């Protein structure tokens, strides 16, 4: 673990499932996000938002979890949106890997709820 311990929580707001992630995620803790995404896919047929605005660090295992979640939600016919603003290290991960083009990323949770 690099820094802040991760907390992954899920809420629902007006038919939108929101997964809030705070702290740092890496290969040892990305399973927390994967588990939340799998649960959301099983219980949501509408939009899912993954709020990464409180995540200071993420590695490639987090991208793997996000791609898996996006695939699960697409199969279920649900929209999949990542909410920011993304912290510098997370934004860099998305940019360096080119995955910023593979996800719908909104600049805020409010925007992600409706975009």
Protein backbone atom coordinates (compact mmCIF):
# COMPACT_ATOMS: atom_id res chain seq x y z
CA UNK A 1 0.00 0.00 0.00
CA UNK A 2 1.40 3.36 -1.02
CA UNK A 3 -0.44 5.96 1.09
CA UNK A 4 -3.98 6.54 2.26
CA UNK A 5 -5.95 3.38 3.00
CA UNK A 6 -8.73 2.93 0.44
CA UNK A 7 -12.41 3.11 1.23
CA UNK A 8 -14.88 1.90 -1.37
CA UNK A 9 -18.55 2.51 -0.71
CA UNK A 10 -21.69 2.32 -2.80
CA UNK A 11 -24.83 4.44 -2.67
CA UNK A 12 -27.86 4.93 -4.86
CA UNK A 13 -29.26 8.30 -5.77
CA UNK A 14 -32.30 8.77 -8.01
CA UNK A 15 -31.75 5.44 -9.77
CA UNK A 16 -28.01 5.91 -10.23
CA UNK A 17 -25.57 3.57 -8.49
CA UNK A 18 -22.54 5.51 -7.28
CA UNK A 19 -19.33 3.86 -6.16
CA UNK A 20 -17.19 6.28 -4.15
CA UNK A 21 -13.48 5.51 -3.94
CA UNK A 22 -11.20 7.40 -1.58
CA UNK A 23 -7.58 6.74 -0.75
CA UNK A 24 -5.00 4.89 -2.80
CA UNK A 25 -5.71 1.73 -4.78
CA UNK A 26 -3.12 -0.75 -5.96
CA UNK A 27 -2.81 -4.45 -6.74
CA UNK A 28 -3.41 -5.34 -3.08
CA UNK A 29 -6.64 -3.35 -2.79
CA UNK A 30 -8.14 -3.10 -6.30
CA UNK A 31 -10.32 -6.11 -5.42
CA UNK A 32 -12.41 -3.72 -3.29
CA UNK A 33 -13.38 -1.82 -6.42
CA UNK A 34 -13.92 -5.02 -8.40
CA UNK A 35 -16.27 -6.37 -5.74
CA UNK A 36 -18.27 -3.12 -5.66
CA UNK A 37 -18.55 -3.10 -9.46
CA UNK A 38 -19.72 -6.73 -9.60
CA UNK A 39 -22.35 -6.04 -6.93
CA UNK A 40 -23.53 -2.92 -8.72
CA UNK A 41 -23.79 -4.78 -12.04
CA UNK A 42 -25.96 -7.42 -10.40
CA UNK A 43 -28.26 -4.84 -8.83
CA UNK A 44 -28.37 -1.97 -11.33
CA UNK A 45 -29.83 -1.77 -14.80
CA UNK A 46 -29.30 1.96 -15.20
CA UNK A 47 -26.33 4.26 -14.84
CA UNK A 48 -23.32 3.53 -12.67
CA UNK A 49 -20.88 6.20 -11.67
CA UNK A 50 -17.44 5.46 -10.25
CA UNK A 51 -16.34 8.54 -8.30
CA UNK A 52 -12.54 8.63 -8.34
CA UNK A 53 -12.23 12.26 -7.24
CA UNK A 54 -10.94 11.17 -3.81
CA UNK A 55 -8.40 8.69 -5.17
CA UNK A 56 -4.83 9.92 -4.95
CA UNK A 57 -3.11 6.93 -6.52
CA UNK A 58 -4.18 4.05 -8.77
CA UNK A 59 -2.16 1.49 -10.66
CA UNK A 60 -2.89 -0.76 -13.63
CA UNK A 61 -4.87 -3.19 -11.46
CA UNK A 62 -7.43 -0.43 -11.00
CA UNK A 63 -7.68 0.00 -14.77
CA UNK A 64 -8.26 -3.74 -15.04
CA UNK A 65 -11.09 -3.47 -12.47
CA UNK A 66 -12.61 -0.53 -14.36
CA UNK A 67 -12.47 -2.31 -17.72
CA UNK A 68 -14.06 -5.37 -16.15
CA UNK A 69 -16.77 -3.21 -14.58
CA UNK A 70 -17.42 -1.40 -17.83
CA UNK A 71 -17.83 -4.74 -19.62
CA UNK A 72 -20.23 -6.05 -16.94
CA UNK A 73 -22.34 -2.92 -17.10
CA UNK A 74 -22.41 -2.86 -20.90
CA UNK A 75 -23.67 -6.45 -20.87
CA UNK A 76 -26.40 -5.37 -18.45
CA UNK A 77 -27.26 -2.37 -20.66
CA UNK A 78 -26.13 0.15 -18.06
CA UNK A 79 -24.20 3.37 -18.62
CA UNK A 80 -20.74 3.47 -17.04
CA UNK A 81 -19.22 6.83 -16.15
CA UNK A 82 -16.12 7.78 -14.18
CA UNK A 83 -16.43 10.97 -12.15
CA UNK A 84 -13.58 13.33 -11.35
CA UNK A 85 -11.92 15.61 -11.07
CA UNK A 86 -9.14 13.07 -11.26
CA UNK A 87 -6.10 13.63 -9.06
CA UNK A 88 -2.77 14.15 -10.87
CA UNK A 89 -1.45 10.58 -10.42
CA UNK A 90 -4.74 9.00 -11.52
CA UNK A 91 -5.07 11.35 -14.48
CA UNK A 92 -1.51 10.51 -15.52
CA UNK A 93 -2.30 6.78 -15.38
CA UNK A 94 -5.27 7.31 -17.69
CA UNK A 95 -3.27 9.50 -20.08
CA UNK A 96 -0.11 7.36 -20.23
CA UNK A 97 -2.08 4.18 -20.90
CA UNK A 98 -4.50 5.85 -23.31
CA UNK A 99 -7.40 4.53 -21.27
CA UNK A 100 -8.85 8.03 -20.92
CA UNK A 101 -10.29 7.44 -24.41
CA UNK A 102 -11.83 4.10 -23.40
CA UNK A 103 -14.03 5.50 -20.63
CA UNK A 104 -16.61 8.22 -20.36
CA UNK A 105 -15.03 10.57 -17.80
CA UNK A 106 -16.96 13.50 -16.35
CA UNK A 107 -15.33 16.42 -14.58
CA UNK A 108 -17.59 16.11 -11.53
CA UNK A 109 -19.99 13.75 -9.80
CA UNK A 110 -22.88 16.06 -10.65
CA UNK A 111 -22.03 15.94 -14.36
CA UNK A 112 -21.52 12.18 -14.28
CA UNK A 113 -25.02 11.69 -12.90
CA UNK A 114 -26.59 13.02 -16.11
CA UNK A 115 -24.05 12.86 -18.98
